[in-house]
Amino acid sequence: MLCAVSFGMAVPVEAEPAPEALKARLEGPLRVLASSLPVVITARAQNHMHEGITAEEIRRLDARWRDGDRSLIDPVMGNDLSAYLTHYAAQSNGAYPEIFVIDQHGLNIGQSAVTSDYWQGDEDVFTHAMAGEVHVSAVAYDESARTELIKVSLPVREEDGTIIGVLVVGGSAAQANTSP
């Protein structure tokens, strides 16, 4: 049987990615990250800050981000959560080229690298995790990471279980090596 090394772990190679096997191997470590104080505290704070935000305001923020507005991007990239996620990504030895956290409105709140857009609310990584699911995507080219990624997303929760955001980890598909 062939195995792929994905996220630093051997996963059986099948015609389609093995999302259930990958999910089972990653769910524990990523739940620890998703429930860490930097992630939860920052999600809570941004949700409070964006309470009552309108769809039009979200569209304007996303357009500014896509246009490269450093006055929006730099505070996100320079916050403590982004430093924490960048350190976590660096410690993964290249397994996680992209890690980011999204608030309950679908807006980025911290990330290890600049994403191509600010609003993630229309993407499967967000919608599935906000519904309480751990979601594993198929391998796809990621514009911001400029590589093939498999994205795993899961809910960020308060202690009482309330979902307050989403953690997304992009694993490098380029690291998926086959071996007998």
C-alpha atoms as a PDB file:
ATOM      1  CA  MET A   1       0.000   0.000   0.000  1.00  0.00           C
ATOM      2  CA  LEU A   2       1.238   3.488  -0.790  1.00  0.00           C
ATOM      3  CA  CYS A   3       1.321   6.105   1.944  1.00  0.00           C
ATOM      4  CA  ALA A   4       1.493   9.863   1.691  1.00  0.00           C
ATOM      5  CA  VAL A   5       3.198  11.953   4.295  1.00  0.00           C
ATOM      6  CA  SER A   6       0.788  14.782   4.984  1.00  0.00           C
ATOM      7  CA  PHE A   7       1.119  17.155   7.920  1.00  0.00           C
ATOM      8  CA  GLY A   8       4.125  15.030   8.907  1.00  0.00           C
ATOM      9  CA  MET A   9       2.014  11.868   9.272  1.00  0.00           C
ATOM     10  CA  ALA A  10       1.618   8.813   7.042  1.00  0.00           C
ATOM     11  CA  VAL A  11      -1.836   8.603   5.515  1.00  0.00           C
ATOM     12  CA  PRO A  12      -2.999   5.869   3.088  1.00  0.00           C
ATOM     13  CA  VAL A  13      -3.072   7.087  -0.511  1.00  0.00           C
ATOM     14  CA  GLU A  14      -6.426   6.641  -2.216  1.00  0.00           C
ATOM     15  CA  ALA A  15      -7.984   8.105  -5.354  1.00  0.00           C
ATOM     16  CA  GLU A  16      -9.368  10.914  -3.189  1.00  0.00           C
ATOM     17  CA  PRO A  17      -7.681  12.322  -0.094  1.00  0.00           C
ATOM     18  CA  ALA A  18      -8.563  10.305   3.005  1.00  0.00           C
ATOM     19  CA  PRO A  19     -10.266  13.091   4.951  1.00  0.00           C
ATOM     20  CA  GLU A  20     -11.534  10.851   7.750  1.00  0.00           C
ATOM     21  CA  ALA A  21      -8.084   9.341   8.390  1.00  0.00           C
ATOM     22  CA  LEU A  22      -6.427  12.743   8.222  1.00  0.00           C
ATOM     23  CA  LYS A  23      -9.113  14.266  10.415  1.00  0.00           C
ATOM     24  CA  ALA A  24      -8.647  11.549  13.039  1.00  0.00           C
ATOM     25  CA  ARG A  25      -4.872  12.063  13.164  1.00  0.00           C
ATOM     26  CA  LEU A  26      -4.998  15.840  13.344  1.00  0.00           C
ATOM     27  CA  GLU A  27      -8.106  16.536  15.363  1.00  0.00           C
ATOM     28  CA  GLY A  28      -6.457  16.209  18.792  1.00  0.00           C
ATOM     29  CA  PRO A  29      -3.400  18.433  18.220  1.00  0.00           C
ATOM     30  CA  LEU A  30      -5.421  21.040  16.325  1.00  0.00           C
ATOM     31  CA  ARG A  31      -8.128  21.104  19.018  1.00  0.00           C
ATOM     32  CA  VAL A  32      -5.379  21.973  21.495  1.00  0.00           C
ATOM     33  CA  LEU A  33      -4.302  24.869  19.259  1.00  0.00           C
ATOM     34  CA  ALA A  34      -7.926  25.974  18.676  1.00  0.00           C
ATOM     35  CA  SER A  35      -8.589  26.036  22.423  1.00  0.00           C
ATOM     36  CA  SER A  36      -5.355  27.804  23.376  1.00  0.00           C
ATOM     37  CA  LEU A  37      -5.675  31.086  25.265  1.00  0.00           C
ATOM     38  CA  PRO A  38      -4.207  33.284  22.507  1.00  0.00           C
ATOM     39  CA  VAL A  39      -6.733  31.930  19.998  1.00  0.00           C
ATOM     40  CA  VAL A  40      -9.797  32.080  22.267  1.00  0.00           C
ATOM     41  CA  ILE A  41      -9.023  35.470  23.831  1.00  0.00           C
ATOM     42  CA  THR A  42      -8.331  37.114  20.460  1.00  0.00           C
ATOM     43  CA  ALA A  43     -11.466  35.618  18.880  1.00  0.00           C
ATOM     44  CA  ARG A  44     -13.561  36.793  21.801  1.00  0.00           C
ATOM     45  CA  ALA A  45     -12.104  40.320  21.606  1.00  0.00           C
ATOM     46  CA  GLN A  46     -12.569  40.681  17.850  1.00  0.00           C
ATOM     47  CA  ASN A  47     -16.129  39.359  18.006  1.00  0.00           C
ATOM     48  CA  HIS A  48     -16.885  42.017  20.586  1.00  0.00           C
ATOM     49  CA  MET A  49     -15.149  44.684  18.485  1.00  0.00           C
ATOM     50  CA  HIS A  50     -17.151  43.684  15.378  1.00  0.00           C
ATOM     51  CA  GLU A  51     -20.480  43.307  17.137  1.00  0.00           C
ATOM     52  CA  GLY A  52     -23.132  44.670  14.787  1.00  0.00           C
ATOM     53  CA  ILE A  53     -20.852  44.799  11.714  1.00  0.00           C
ATOM     54  CA  THR A  54     -22.834  44.935   8.481  1.00  0.00           C
ATOM     55  CA  ALA A  55     -22.348  42.939   5.290  1.00  0.00           C
ATOM     56  CA  GLU A  56     -21.453  46.197   3.512  1.00  0.00           C
ATOM     57  CA  GLU A  57     -18.743  46.977   6.076  1.00  0.00           C
ATOM     58  CA  ILE A  58     -17.356  43.463   5.652  1.00  0.00           C
ATOM     59  CA  ARG A  59     -17.279  43.905   1.857  1.00  0.00           C
ATOM     60  CA  ARG A  60     -15.389  47.209   2.240  1.00  0.00           C
ATOM     61  CA  LEU A  61     -12.853  45.662   4.624  1.00  0.00           C
ATOM     62  CA  ASP A  62     -12.330  42.695   2.315  1.00  0.00           C
ATOM     63  CA  ALA A  63     -11.825  45.010  -0.683  1.00  0.00           C
ATOM     64  CA  ARG A  64      -9.238  47.015   1.260  1.00  0.00           C
ATOM     65  CA  TRP A  65      -7.394  43.811   2.202  1.00  0.00           C
ATOM     66  CA  ARG A  66      -7.423  42.544  -1.392  1.00  0.00           C
ATOM     67  CA  ASP A  67      -6.090  45.933  -2.527  1.00  0.00           C
ATOM     68  CA  GLY A  68      -3.152  45.525  -0.131  1.00  0.00           C
ATOM     69  CA  ASP A  69      -4.183  48.208   2.368  1.00  0.00           C
ATOM     70  CA  ARG A  70      -1.334  47.990   4.887  1.00  0.00           C
ATOM     71  CA  SER A  71      -3.361  49.983   7.449  1.00  0.00           C
ATOM     72  CA  LEU A  72      -5.659  46.926   7.687  1.00  0.00           C
ATOM     73  CA  ILE A  73      -3.152  44.118   7.045  1.00  0.00           C
ATOM     74  CA  ASP A  74      -0.306  45.268   9.326  1.00  0.00           C
ATOM     75  CA  PRO A  75      -2.313  45.349  12.581  1.00  0.00           C
ATOM     76  CA  VAL A  76      -3.504  41.776  11.938  1.00  0.00           C
ATOM     77  CA  MET A  77      -0.044  40.535  10.958  1.00  0.00           C
ATOM     78  CA  GLY A  78       1.534  42.404  13.859  1.00  0.00           C
ATOM     79  CA  ASN A  79      -0.772  41.205  16.637  1.00  0.00           C
ATOM     80  CA  ASP A  80       0.141  38.696  19.345  1.00  0.00           C
ATOM     81  CA  LEU A  81      -2.038  35.965  17.845  1.00  0.00           C
ATOM     82  CA  SER A  82      -0.254  36.219  14.488  1.00  0.00           C
ATOM     83  CA  ALA A  83       3.109  35.963  16.273  1.00  0.00           C
ATOM     84  CA  TYR A  84       1.849  32.869  18.118  1.00  0.00           C
ATOM     85  CA  LEU A  85       0.571  31.249  14.905  1.00  0.00           C
ATOM     86  CA  THR A  86       3.763  32.140  13.016  1.00  0.00           C
ATOM     87  CA  HIS A  87       5.821  30.474  15.761  1.00  0.00           C
ATOM     88  CA  TYR A  88       3.557  27.410  15.667  1.00  0.00           C
ATOM     89  CA  ALA A  89       3.931  27.198  11.872  1.00  0.00           C
ATOM     90  CA  ALA A  90       7.726  27.541  12.131  1.00  0.00           C
ATOM     91  CA  GLN A  91       7.849  24.713  14.676  1.00  0.00           C
ATOM     92  CA  SER A  92       5.998  22.439  12.223  1.00  0.00           C
ATOM     93  CA  ASN A  93       9.097  22.132   9.992  1.00  0.00           C
ATOM     94  CA  GLY A  94       7.138  23.177   6.910  1.00  0.00           C
ATOM     95  CA  ALA A  95       4.131  20.936   7.510  1.00  0.00           C
ATOM     96  CA  TYR A  96       1.853  23.957   8.132  1.00  0.00           C
ATOM     97  CA  PRO A  97       2.692  26.737   5.667  1.00  0.00           C
ATOM     98  CA  GLU A  98      -0.531  28.542   6.548  1.00  0.00           C
ATOM     99  CA  ILE A  99      -2.407  28.886   9.841  1.00  0.00           C
ATOM    100  CA  PHE A 100      -5.083  31.464  10.475  1.00  0.00           C
ATOM    101  CA  VAL A 101      -7.970  32.171  12.800  1.00  0.00           C
ATOM    102  CA  ILE A 102     -11.288  33.667  11.723  1.00  0.00           C
ATOM    103  CA  ASP A 103     -13.864  35.418  13.928  1.00  0.00           C
ATOM    104  CA  GLN A 104     -17.565  34.519  13.981  1.00  0.00           C
ATOM    105  CA  HIS A 105     -18.205  37.006  11.137  1.00  0.00           C
ATOM    106  CA  GLY A 106     -15.687  35.306   8.828  1.00  0.00           C
ATOM    107  CA  LEU A 107     -12.955  37.949   9.259  1.00  0.00           C
ATOM    108  CA  ASN A 108      -9.286  37.128   9.802  1.00  0.00           C
ATOM    109  CA  ILE A 109      -7.999  37.831  13.291  1.00  0.00           C
ATOM    110  CA  GLY A 110      -4.524  36.293  13.243  1.00  0.00           C
ATOM    111  CA  GLN A 111      -2.420  34.433  10.746  1.00  0.00           C
ATOM    112  CA  SER A 112       1.014  33.049  10.048  1.00  0.00           C
ATOM    113  CA  ALA A 113       1.080  34.548   6.538  1.00  0.00           C
ATOM    114  CA  VAL A 114      -1.032  37.108   4.696  1.00  0.00           C
ATOM    115  CA  THR A 115      -4.109  35.519   3.134  1.00  0.00           C
ATOM    116  CA  SER A 116      -5.427  36.637  -0.241  1.00  0.00           C
ATOM    117  CA  ASP A 117      -8.644  37.931   1.320  1.00  0.00           C
ATOM    118  CA  TYR A 118      -9.842  39.186   4.688  1.00  0.00           C
ATOM    119  CA  TRP A 119     -13.343  37.701   4.649  1.00  0.00           C
ATOM    120  CA  GLN A 120     -13.482  33.897   4.742  1.00  0.00           C
ATOM    121  CA  GLY A 121     -17.207  33.702   5.509  1.00  0.00           C
ATOM    122  CA  ASP A 122     -18.154  32.270   2.121  1.00  0.00           C
ATOM    123  CA  GLU A 123     -15.622  29.433   2.185  1.00  0.00           C
ATOM    124  CA  ASP A 124     -16.134  25.803   3.227  1.00  0.00           C
ATOM    125  CA  VAL A 125     -13.375  26.047   5.833  1.00  0.00           C
ATOM    126  CA  PHE A 126     -15.515  28.626   7.634  1.00  0.00           C
ATOM    127  CA  THR A 127     -19.056  27.380   7.058  1.00  0.00           C
ATOM    128  CA  HIS A 128     -18.354  23.768   8.056  1.00  0.00           C
ATOM    129  CA  ALA A 129     -16.405  24.695  11.195  1.00  0.00           C
ATOM    130  CA  MET A 130     -19.029  27.248  12.271  1.00  0.00           C
ATOM    131  CA  ALA A 131     -21.542  24.387  11.997  1.00  0.00           C
ATOM    132  CA  GLY A 132     -19.425  22.481  14.525  1.00  0.00           C
ATOM    133  CA  GLU A 133     -17.614  20.179  12.102  1.00  0.00           C
ATOM    134  CA  VAL A 134     -13.953  19.416  11.593  1.00  0.00           C
ATOM    135  CA  HIS A 135     -13.522  19.957   7.845  1.00  0.00           C
ATOM    136  CA  VAL A 136     -10.751  18.552   5.638  1.00  0.00           C
ATOM    137  CA  SER A 137     -10.569  19.962   2.130  1.00  0.00           C
ATOM    138  CA  ALA A 138      -9.368  18.281  -1.008  1.00  0.00           C
ATOM    139  CA  VAL A 139      -5.913  19.270  -2.228  1.00  0.00           C
ATOM    140  CA  ALA A 140      -6.168  22.634  -3.983  1.00  0.00           C
ATOM    141  CA  TYR A 141      -3.869  25.430  -5.068  1.00  0.00           C
ATOM    142  CA  ASP A 142      -3.848  28.219  -2.482  1.00  0.00           C
ATOM    143  CA  GLU A 143      -3.184  31.640  -3.959  1.00  0.00           C
ATOM    144  CA  SER A 144      -1.806  33.230  -0.792  1.00  0.00           C
ATOM    145  CA  ALA A 145       0.479  30.297   0.105  1.00  0.00           C
ATOM    146  CA  ARG A 146       1.368  29.791  -3.579  1.00  0.00           C
ATOM    147  CA  THR A 147       1.315  26.029  -3.201  1.00  0.00           C
ATOM    148  CA  GLU A 148      -1.011  23.037  -3.144  1.00  0.00           C
ATOM    149  CA  LEU A 149      -2.617  22.738   0.303  1.00  0.00           C
ATOM    150  CA  ILE A 150      -4.963  20.524   2.218  1.00  0.00           C
ATOM    151  CA  LYS A 151      -6.897  22.714   4.661  1.00  0.00           C
ATOM    152  CA  VAL A 152      -8.201  21.454   7.969  1.00  0.00           C
ATOM    153  CA  SER A 153     -10.596  23.713   9.851  1.00  0.00           C
ATOM    154  CA  LEU A 154     -12.314  23.343  13.169  1.00  0.00           C
ATOM    155  CA  PRO A 155     -14.358  25.472  15.523  1.00  0.00           C
ATOM    156  CA  VAL A 156     -12.854  27.749  18.150  1.00  0.00           C
ATOM    157  CA  ARG A 157     -15.064  27.446  21.212  1.00  0.00           C
ATOM    158  CA  GLU A 158     -15.703  29.175  24.496  1.00  0.00           C
ATOM    159  CA  GLU A 159     -15.527  26.978  27.606  1.00  0.00           C
ATOM    160  CA  ASP A 160     -19.309  26.495  27.425  1.00  0.00           C
ATOM    161  CA  GLY A 161     -19.003  25.112  23.859  1.00  0.00           C
ATOM    162  CA  THR A 162     -20.225  28.231  22.035  1.00  0.00           C
ATOM    163  CA  ILE A 163     -18.475  28.557  18.670  1.00  0.00           C
ATOM    164  CA  ILE A 164     -16.713  31.930  18.462  1.00  0.00           C
ATOM    165  CA  GLY A 165     -14.482  31.417  15.443  1.00  0.00           C
ATOM    166  CA  VAL A 166     -12.551  29.013  13.259  1.00  0.00           C
ATOM    167  CA  LEU A 167      -8.978  27.735  13.143  1.00  0.00           C
ATOM    168  CA  VAL A 168      -7.687  26.882   9.666  1.00  0.00           C
ATOM    169  CA  VAL A 169      -4.463  24.993   9.092  1.00  0.00           C
ATOM    170  CA  GLY A 170      -3.140  24.570   5.574  1.00  0.00           C
ATOM    171  CA  GLY A 171      -0.858  21.574   5.142  1.00  0.00           C
ATOM    172  CA  SER A 172       1.576  21.427   2.270  1.00  0.00           C
ATOM    173  CA  ALA A 173       0.569  18.936  -0.377  1.00  0.00           C
ATOM    174  CA  ALA A 174       4.079  19.381  -1.828  1.00  0.00           C
ATOM    175  CA  GLN A 175       5.377  17.510   1.219  1.00  0.00           C
ATOM    176  CA  ALA A 176       3.173  14.544   0.408  1.00  0.00           C
ATOM    177  CA  ASN A 177       5.763  11.959  -0.634  1.00  0.00           C
ATOM    178  CA  THR A 178       4.847   8.447  -1.603  1.00  0.00           C
ATOM    179  CA  SER A 179       6.754   5.458  -0.357  1.00  0.00           C
ATOM    180  CA  PRO A 180       6.208   1.708  -0.523  1.00  0.00           C
END
